[in-house]
Amino acid sequence: MSVKPIKKSHKLDNVCYDIRGPVMQKANQMEAEGARIIKLNIGNLAAFNFTVPEEMEQDLAKNLPNAAGYTDSKGIFGARKAIMHYTQQKRIKGVTLDDIIIGNGVSELIGFAMHALLNVGDEVLIPMPDYPLWTAATTLAGGTPVHYLCDEDNEWNPSIEDIKSKITSNTKAIVVINPNNPTGALYSDEILQQIVDIAREHNLVVMADEIYDRVLYDGHSHTSVASLADDVFFVTMNGLSKNYRACGYRAGWMVLSGAKESASGYIEGLVMLASMRLCANAPGQHTIQTALGGYQSIDDLVAPTGRLARQRDLAYQLISEIPGVSCVKPKAAMYLFPRLDPKVYPIEDDQSFVLEFLEKEKVLVVQGTGFNWHAHDHLRFVFLPIEDELREAIGRFAKFLKDYRERAVV
């Protein structure tokens, strides 16, 4: 008797996460066969010897004996209190303990945000390029992602005109990823205010992903979009993974602020989803208060002489020196999103392009379409490896592109 195949749900038909997609699977296979791969595909800081602050590790160990039971579904008191104080530093008004929900990383909370809000056919405005989990979560929740353009010629700031042109009667929310992944952009206050004005006019929820809000270079400062109004409803996401190099702690949070009265039904849905998963990872929660209140070692890393700043400068310089490659210098985060001039590099399929690069040069990057970019002319590079490894990886990229140019001419 033949066995009937078990297929995946149709809900996953248009869901993808190419950061850990087919090209990474090929890299894992190559590693299993003995190859050494330089991985520039994901912002996993621990893999590049960026360490968690020692005080956080000590508090994790100290509290571990008390972390076996379920916590409050919104999170432990001390952690939420510290997050509330942090919102005050960011000038977000009117946040109470009840307005904070701790999750297993921002990734879990993005799912909550979409499932609690969307009905089938509802639309969410998401930046292009995006962090692809936002698009995937919108689709999985039954909504329709609508991508608005971020303008490379304007330091990757969102195009306000494009946002306006894509609003319909079905639009329910707009996502703002600032600082931005994958471009490293830091949005201007003027642009943020215009987005708030649009949200007010069209009664949109503003979902702000601010996970990189301390990873800032060249003396730049970050404005939380939720600090710009109290008559628009904001859902602001943050966590420990990037600023505190604690990706595996799975400790993120969402903050609800602004026009909370008008969003009471939505908030009820968020609380319901938080209760259904019982609680977030308890050990990780016990490090939040220490992280937010302690010495901010990220400041040393992003200072002009700090490791992250030096590696950003080096990667940007080396990438920019390659013929036919241009890049907006990132003001924040830990990524470069360079453009390959289509006249020089006529790439028809950027996933095949990065796969060929991996196979020939043993360097793993992510194609621009993996971030829902509309053309096959961008790649994302992580600049977390030490400087010698960055030189090696980008040197291999330059060699690969030289060969590609020569083949393209022929």
Protein backbone atom coordinates (compact mmCIF):
# COMPACT_ATOMS: atom_id res chain seq x y z
CA MET A 1 0.00 0.00 0.00
CA SER A 2 1.37 3.40 -0.96
CA VAL A 3 1.90 5.95 1.79
CA LYS A 4 0.18 9.26 1.27
CA PRO A 5 2.71 12.11 1.51
CA ILE A 6 2.40 14.53 4.39
CA LYS A 7 2.62 18.06 3.05
CA LYS A 8 3.21 21.39 4.71
CA SER A 9 0.29 23.72 5.34
CA HIS A 10 -0.74 26.06 2.53
CA LYS A 11 -0.34 28.85 5.10
CA LEU A 12 3.41 28.47 4.54
CA ASP A 13 3.28 28.71 0.75
CA ASN A 14 4.42 32.35 0.67
CA VAL A 15 6.47 32.30 3.86
CA CYS A 16 10.25 32.36 3.59
CA TYR A 17 13.28 33.19 5.73
CA ASP A 18 16.24 33.07 3.39
CA ILE A 19 18.74 34.17 6.05
CA ARG A 20 18.59 30.51 7.09
CA GLY A 21 17.39 29.26 3.72
CA PRO A 22 18.69 26.96 0.95
CA VAL A 23 22.07 28.67 0.58
CA MET A 24 22.81 28.27 4.30
CA GLN A 25 21.75 24.63 4.06
CA LYS A 26 24.32 24.19 1.30
CA ALA A 27 26.94 25.85 3.50
CA ASN A 28 26.13 23.43 6.32
CA GLN A 29 26.53 20.52 3.91
CA MET A 30 29.90 21.86 2.75
CA GLU A 31 31.04 22.20 6.37
CA ALA A 32 29.99 18.63 7.07
CA GLU A 33 32.21 17.60 4.17
CA GLY A 34 35.18 19.43 5.69
CA ALA A 35 35.06 22.89 4.11
CA ARG A 36 35.71 25.98 6.23
CA ILE A 37 33.04 28.59 5.49
CA ILE A 38 33.32 32.28 6.38
CA LYS A 39 29.78 33.11 7.46
CA LEU A 40 28.69 36.68 6.83
CA ASN A 41 25.00 35.84 6.73
CA ILE A 42 23.62 36.32 10.22
CA GLY A 43 24.07 38.70 13.14
CA ASN A 44 24.84 36.03 15.73
CA LEU A 45 27.37 37.92 17.81
CA ALA A 46 28.50 35.04 20.03
CA ALA A 47 29.77 33.20 16.95
CA PHE A 48 32.27 36.03 16.46
CA ASN A 49 33.46 36.19 20.08
CA PHE A 50 31.37 39.17 21.13
CA THR A 51 30.73 38.30 24.76
CA VAL A 52 27.74 38.90 27.00
CA PRO A 53 28.55 41.43 29.76
CA GLU A 54 30.01 39.51 32.70
CA GLU A 55 27.51 41.00 35.16
CA MET A 56 24.63 39.54 33.12
CA GLU A 57 26.24 36.09 33.15
CA GLN A 58 26.70 36.28 36.92
CA ASP A 59 23.07 37.27 37.48
CA LEU A 60 21.88 34.50 35.17
CA ALA A 61 23.83 31.94 37.22
CA LYS A 62 22.69 33.39 40.53
CA ASN A 63 19.00 33.39 39.59
CA LEU A 64 18.97 30.03 37.82
CA PRO A 65 17.83 28.08 40.93
CA ASN A 66 14.77 30.35 41.12
CA ALA A 67 13.92 30.19 37.42
CA ALA A 68 12.32 26.76 37.14
CA GLY A 69 8.70 27.83 37.53
CA TYR A 70 6.36 29.79 35.28
CA THR A 71 6.55 33.54 35.63
CA ASP A 72 3.76 36.07 35.13
CA SER A 73 2.69 35.76 31.50
CA LYS A 74 3.82 39.35 30.84
CA GLY A 75 7.16 38.86 32.56
CA ILE A 76 8.81 39.22 35.95
CA PHE A 77 8.37 42.45 37.88
CA GLY A 78 12.02 43.56 38.02
CA ALA A 79 12.53 43.13 34.30
CA ARG A 80 9.37 45.00 33.35
CA LYS A 81 10.20 47.76 35.81
CA ALA A 82 13.62 48.20 34.19
CA ILE A 83 12.02 48.27 30.73
CA MET A 84 9.54 50.89 31.92
CA HIS A 85 12.43 53.07 33.10
CA TYR A 86 14.14 52.55 29.76
CA THR A 87 11.06 53.83 27.92
CA GLN A 88 11.28 56.96 30.07
CA GLN A 89 14.89 57.45 28.94
CA LYS A 90 13.63 57.13 25.35
CA ARG A 91 10.96 59.77 26.11
CA ILE A 92 8.03 57.44 25.46
CA LYS A 93 5.21 58.76 27.60
CA GLY A 94 2.64 57.03 29.76
CA VAL A 95 4.07 53.50 29.86
CA THR A 96 3.11 51.40 32.90
CA LEU A 97 4.11 47.88 33.92
CA ASP A 98 0.91 46.55 32.37
CA ASP A 99 1.96 47.96 28.99
CA ILE A 100 5.03 45.70 28.77
CA ILE A 101 5.09 42.10 27.56
CA ILE A 102 8.31 40.09 27.64
CA GLY A 103 8.78 37.41 24.99
CA ASN A 104 11.16 34.75 23.76
CA GLY A 105 12.99 37.28 21.65
CA VAL A 106 11.46 39.90 19.39
CA SER A 107 10.78 37.16 16.85
CA GLU A 108 8.06 35.64 19.03
CA LEU A 109 6.53 39.04 19.72
CA ILE A 110 6.37 39.92 16.03
CA GLY A 111 4.15 36.87 15.62
CA PHE A 112 1.98 38.01 18.54
CA ALA A 113 1.68 41.49 17.06
CA MET A 114 0.42 40.18 13.73
CA HIS A 115 -1.84 37.35 14.92
CA ALA A 116 -3.60 39.61 17.43
CA LEU A 117 -4.29 42.30 14.82
CA LEU A 118 -4.88 40.80 11.40
CA ASN A 119 -7.82 39.22 9.67
CA VAL A 120 -7.55 37.63 6.24
CA GLY A 121 -6.92 40.34 3.66
CA ASP A 122 -5.76 43.01 6.09
CA GLU A 123 -2.66 44.81 4.85
CA VAL A 124 0.53 45.81 6.65
CA LEU A 125 3.03 48.30 5.25
CA ILE A 126 6.54 46.84 5.60
CA PRO A 127 9.80 48.46 4.48
CA MET A 128 11.61 47.23 1.38
CA PRO A 129 14.21 45.92 2.05
CA ASP A 130 12.92 44.42 5.27
CA TYR A 131 13.87 42.06 8.03
CA PRO A 132 12.02 39.11 6.46
CA LEU A 133 10.40 37.86 9.64
CA TRP A 134 8.00 40.81 9.49
CA THR A 135 6.81 39.79 6.04
CA ALA A 136 6.64 36.10 6.99
CA ALA A 137 4.68 36.77 10.20
CA THR A 138 2.21 39.01 8.37
CA THR A 139 1.58 36.30 5.79
CA LEU A 140 1.29 33.52 8.37
CA ALA A 141 -1.27 35.58 10.30
CA GLY A 142 -3.46 35.80 7.19
CA GLY A 143 -2.51 39.36 6.30
CA THR A 144 -1.05 40.81 3.14
CA PRO A 145 2.41 42.41 3.30
CA VAL A 146 2.69 45.56 1.20
CA HIS A 147 6.27 46.75 0.80
CA TYR A 148 7.08 50.44 0.76
CA LEU A 149 10.33 51.67 -0.73
CA CYS A 150 13.32 52.77 1.29
CA ASP A 151 15.34 55.16 -0.85
CA GLU A 152 18.99 54.25 -1.34
CA ASP A 153 19.66 57.72 -2.74
CA ASN A 154 18.38 59.23 0.52
CA GLU A 155 20.54 57.15 2.90
CA TRP A 156 17.87 54.40 2.83
CA ASN A 157 15.24 56.56 4.55
CA PRO A 158 11.65 55.48 3.80
CA SER A 159 9.98 57.13 0.84
CA ILE A 160 7.03 59.02 2.28
CA GLU A 161 5.40 59.36 -1.14
CA ASP A 162 5.62 55.62 -1.72
CA ILE A 163 4.07 54.95 1.69
CA LYS A 164 1.17 57.27 0.91
CA SER A 165 0.59 55.66 -2.47
CA LYS A 166 0.21 52.19 -0.94
CA ILE A 167 -2.35 52.89 1.77
CA THR A 168 -5.78 51.38 1.17
CA SER A 169 -8.92 50.84 3.21
CA ASN A 170 -7.42 47.48 4.22
CA THR A 171 -4.20 48.92 5.67
CA LYS A 172 -4.04 48.25 9.41
CA ALA A 173 -0.43 48.94 10.41
CA ILE A 174 2.95 50.24 9.31
CA VAL A 175 6.25 48.64 10.35
CA VAL A 176 9.26 50.86 11.06
CA ILE A 177 12.64 49.11 11.40
CA ASN A 178 14.96 51.75 12.84
CA PRO A 179 17.92 51.36 13.05
CA ASN A 180 17.47 49.32 9.94
CA ASN A 181 18.34 45.76 9.11
CA PRO A 182 19.64 45.12 6.42
CA THR A 183 20.79 48.61 5.36
CA GLY A 184 22.26 50.03 8.58
CA ALA A 185 20.21 53.19 8.07
CA LEU A 186 19.22 55.48 10.93
CA TYR A 187 16.03 57.36 10.08
CA SER A 188 15.82 61.10 10.45
CA ASP A 189 13.41 62.66 12.95
CA GLU A 190 11.70 64.43 10.06
CA ILE A 191 10.93 61.14 8.31
CA LEU A 192 9.75 59.52 11.54
CA GLN A 193 7.40 62.42 12.23
CA GLN A 194 5.93 62.16 8.75
CA ILE A 195 5.27 58.45 9.30
CA VAL A 196 3.52 59.27 12.57
CA ASP A 197 1.39 61.87 10.80
CA ILE A 198 0.37 59.29 8.18
CA ALA A 199 -0.49 56.77 10.89
CA ARG A 200 -2.64 59.37 12.65
CA GLU A 201 -4.46 60.31 9.45
CA HIS A 202 -5.24 56.71 8.51
CA ASN A 203 -5.65 55.23 12.01
CA LEU A 204 -2.72 52.84 11.62
CA VAL A 205 -0.87 50.93 14.32
CA VAL A 206 2.85 51.78 14.25
CA MET A 207 5.02 48.71 14.89
CA ALA A 208 8.57 49.78 15.67
CA ASP A 209 11.49 47.34 15.59
CA GLU A 210 14.26 49.10 17.56
CA ILE A 211 16.49 46.14 18.45
CA TYR A 212 19.64 48.04 17.32
CA ASP A 213 18.88 51.31 19.11
CA ARG A 214 22.28 51.42 20.89
CA VAL A 215 24.39 50.12 18.00
CA LEU A 216 25.10 53.61 16.67
CA TYR A 217 28.25 55.03 15.07
CA ASP A 218 29.85 58.44 14.59
CA GLY A 219 28.05 60.03 17.54
CA HIS A 220 24.57 59.53 16.12
CA SER A 221 21.57 59.28 18.45
CA HIS A 222 18.36 57.30 18.07
CA THR A 223 14.82 58.65 18.33
CA SER A 224 12.12 56.17 19.27
CA VAL A 225 9.18 56.80 16.96
CA ALA A 226 6.79 56.24 19.88
CA SER A 227 8.19 59.35 21.58
CA LEU A 228 6.76 61.57 18.84
CA ALA A 229 3.03 61.30 19.63
CA ASP A 230 0.56 60.16 22.26
CA ASP A 231 -2.52 60.03 20.01
CA VAL A 232 -1.27 57.16 17.79
CA PHE A 233 -0.99 53.56 19.00
CA PHE A 234 2.57 52.19 19.04
CA VAL A 235 3.98 48.71 19.56
CA THR A 236 7.72 49.07 20.17
CA MET A 237 10.01 46.01 20.10
CA ASN A 238 13.44 45.67 21.69
CA GLY A 239 15.57 43.12 23.50
CA LEU A 240 18.95 41.86 24.64
CA SER A 241 20.16 40.06 21.54
CA LYS A 242 22.12 42.83 19.80
CA ASN A 243 22.94 45.63 22.26
CA TYR A 244 23.97 43.06 24.89
CA ARG A 245 25.28 40.27 22.61
CA ALA A 246 22.80 37.82 24.13
CA CYS A 247 21.03 36.29 21.13
CA GLY A 248 20.58 32.91 22.80
CA TYR A 249 19.04 34.35 25.97
CA ARG A 250 15.81 34.87 23.99
CA ALA A 251 14.81 37.93 25.98
CA GLY A 252 12.84 40.55 24.07
CA TRP A 253 9.94 42.83 24.90
CA MET A 254 7.12 44.84 23.41
CA VAL A 255 5.98 48.17 24.81
CA LEU A 256 2.44 49.43 24.18
CA SER A 257 2.06 53.21 24.21
CA GLY A 258 0.15 56.15 22.84
CA ALA A 259 -3.59 55.81 22.10
CA LYS A 260 -4.08 52.72 24.25
CA GLU A 261 -7.79 53.36 24.87
CA SER A 262 -8.62 52.97 21.20
CA ALA A 263 -6.61 49.73 21.02
CA SER A 264 -8.16 47.94 23.99
CA GLY A 265 -9.42 45.04 21.87
CA TYR A 266 -6.05 44.57 20.22
CA ILE A 267 -4.28 44.71 23.58
CA GLU A 268 -6.66 42.05 24.89
CA GLY A 269 -5.58 39.83 22.00
CA LEU A 270 -1.89 40.40 22.76
CA VAL A 271 -2.39 39.51 26.42
CA MET A 272 -4.32 36.39 25.40
CA LEU A 273 -1.46 35.20 23.18
CA ALA A 274 1.09 35.91 25.92
CA SER A 275 -0.99 33.89 28.37
CA MET A 276 -1.39 30.96 25.97
CA ARG A 277 2.37 30.39 25.82
CA LEU A 278 2.38 30.65 29.67
CA CYS A 279 5.54 32.74 29.98
CA ALA A 280 8.78 33.76 28.34
CA ASN A 281 12.12 32.11 29.08
CA ALA A 282 12.60 32.75 32.80
CA PRO A 283 16.44 32.65 33.00
CA GLY A 284 16.72 35.24 30.25
CA GLN A 285 14.22 37.51 31.99
CA HIS A 286 16.41 37.61 35.08
CA THR A 287 19.19 39.34 33.13
CA ILE A 288 17.10 42.22 31.74
CA GLN A 289 17.24 44.46 34.81
CA THR A 290 21.00 44.07 35.06
CA ALA A 291 21.48 44.72 31.34
CA LEU A 292 19.43 47.90 31.20
CA GLY A 293 20.75 49.29 34.47
CA GLY A 294 24.40 48.32 34.25
CA TYR A 295 27.41 49.63 32.38
CA GLN A 296 26.61 49.95 28.69
CA SER A 297 29.58 48.18 27.14
CA ILE A 298 28.07 48.54 23.66
CA ASP A 299 29.23 52.17 23.85
CA ASP A 300 32.85 50.97 23.85
CA LEU A 301 32.28 48.71 20.85
CA VAL A 302 30.72 51.44 18.68
CA ALA A 303 33.14 54.21 19.70
CA PRO A 304 35.58 55.29 16.92
CA THR A 305 38.28 52.98 18.31
CA GLY A 306 35.85 50.18 19.22
CA ARG A 307 35.78 46.82 17.51
CA LEU A 308 32.42 47.22 15.79
CA ALA A 309 33.23 50.69 14.47
CA ARG A 310 36.65 49.58 13.16
CA GLN A 311 35.13 46.58 11.42
CA ARG A 312 32.36 48.69 9.89
CA ASP A 313 34.91 51.15 8.54
CA LEU A 314 37.11 48.41 7.12
CA ALA A 315 34.27 46.47 5.50
CA TYR A 316 32.79 49.63 4.00
CA GLN A 317 36.18 50.67 2.59
CA LEU A 318 36.94 47.28 1.08
CA ILE A 319 33.49 46.84 -0.44
CA SER A 320 33.49 50.36 -1.89
CA GLU A 321 36.84 49.78 -3.61
CA ILE A 322 35.45 46.95 -5.77
CA PRO A 323 34.64 48.15 -9.33
CA GLY A 324 30.91 48.39 -9.98
CA VAL A 325 29.96 48.10 -6.30
CA SER A 326 28.51 50.97 -4.25
CA CYS A 327 27.30 51.10 -0.68
CA VAL A 328 25.66 53.60 1.67
CA LYS A 329 27.82 53.73 4.79
CA PRO A 330 25.76 52.38 7.70
CA LYS A 331 25.12 54.70 10.62
CA ALA A 332 23.91 51.86 12.84
CA ALA A 333 23.49 48.08 13.26
CA MET A 334 26.03 45.57 11.89
CA TYR A 335 25.32 45.14 8.19
CA LEU A 336 26.31 46.44 4.77
CA PHE A 337 23.80 46.29 1.91
CA PRO A 338 25.93 46.99 -1.18
CA ARG A 339 24.57 47.43 -4.70
CA LEU A 340 26.10 45.65 -7.68
CA ASP A 341 25.70 47.79 -10.78
CA PRO A 342 23.51 45.73 -13.17
CA LYS A 343 25.45 47.10 -16.15
CA VAL A 344 28.61 45.55 -14.74
CA TYR A 345 27.01 42.52 -13.06
CA PRO A 346 23.93 41.39 -15.02
CA ILE A 347 22.61 39.10 -12.29
CA GLU A 348 19.39 37.31 -13.23
CA ASP A 349 18.97 35.31 -10.00
CA ASP A 350 20.70 36.63 -6.90
CA GLN A 351 20.16 33.42 -4.92
CA SER A 352 22.01 31.45 -7.60
CA PHE A 353 24.66 34.19 -7.55
CA VAL A 354 25.35 33.89 -3.79
CA LEU A 355 25.23 30.10 -4.06
CA GLU A 356 27.93 30.18 -6.75
CA PHE A 357 29.95 32.59 -4.59
CA LEU A 358 29.65 30.16 -1.67
CA GLU A 359 30.68 27.15 -3.72
CA LYS A 360 33.68 28.86 -5.33
CA GLU A 361 34.98 31.03 -2.50
CA LYS A 362 33.47 29.44 0.63
CA VAL A 363 31.91 32.70 1.86
CA LEU A 364 28.25 32.81 2.90
CA VAL A 365 26.18 36.00 2.41
CA VAL A 366 22.46 36.65 1.85
CA GLN A 367 20.93 37.82 -1.41
CA GLY A 368 18.95 41.07 -1.46
CA THR A 369 15.71 39.38 -2.51
CA GLY A 370 15.92 37.46 0.77
CA PHE A 371 15.02 40.81 2.36
CA ASN A 372 12.16 41.32 -0.10
CA TRP A 373 14.18 43.78 -2.19
CA HIS A 374 12.59 44.08 -5.62
CA ALA A 375 15.72 43.63 -7.77
CA HIS A 376 18.60 41.15 -8.02
CA ASP A 377 21.30 43.76 -7.42
CA HIS A 378 22.00 43.82 -3.67
CA LEU A 379 23.60 41.55 -1.07
CA ARG A 380 23.81 41.75 2.72
CA PHE A 381 27.17 41.39 4.45
CA VAL A 382 27.58 41.04 8.22
CA PHE A 383 30.73 42.84 9.42
CA LEU A 384 31.09 40.93 12.70
CA PRO A 385 34.23 38.84 11.93
CA ILE A 386 37.59 40.15 13.10
CA GLU A 387 39.43 42.45 10.71
CA ASP A 388 41.75 39.80 9.23
CA GLU A 389 38.79 37.57 8.40
CA LEU A 390 36.87 40.47 6.91
CA ARG A 391 39.84 41.25 4.67
CA GLU A 392 39.96 37.63 3.59
CA ALA A 393 36.20 37.35 2.94
CA ILE A 394 35.86 40.60 1.02
CA GLY A 395 39.06 39.83 -0.85
CA ARG A 396 37.47 36.60 -2.01
CA PHE A 397 34.37 38.55 -3.01
CA ALA A 398 36.48 40.96 -5.06
CA LYS A 399 38.17 38.01 -6.79
CA PHE A 400 34.81 36.37 -7.50
CA LEU A 401 33.43 39.60 -8.97
CA LYS A 402 36.52 40.06 -11.15
CA ASP A 403 35.94 36.62 -12.64
CA TYR A 404 32.24 37.40 -13.01
CA ARG A 405 32.98 40.66 -14.87
CA GLU A 406 35.29 38.88 -17.25
CA ARG A 407 32.67 36.22 -17.98
CA ALA A 408 29.98 38.88 -18.44
CA VAL A 409 32.09 40.66 -21.07
CA VAL A 410 32.58 37.44 -23.00
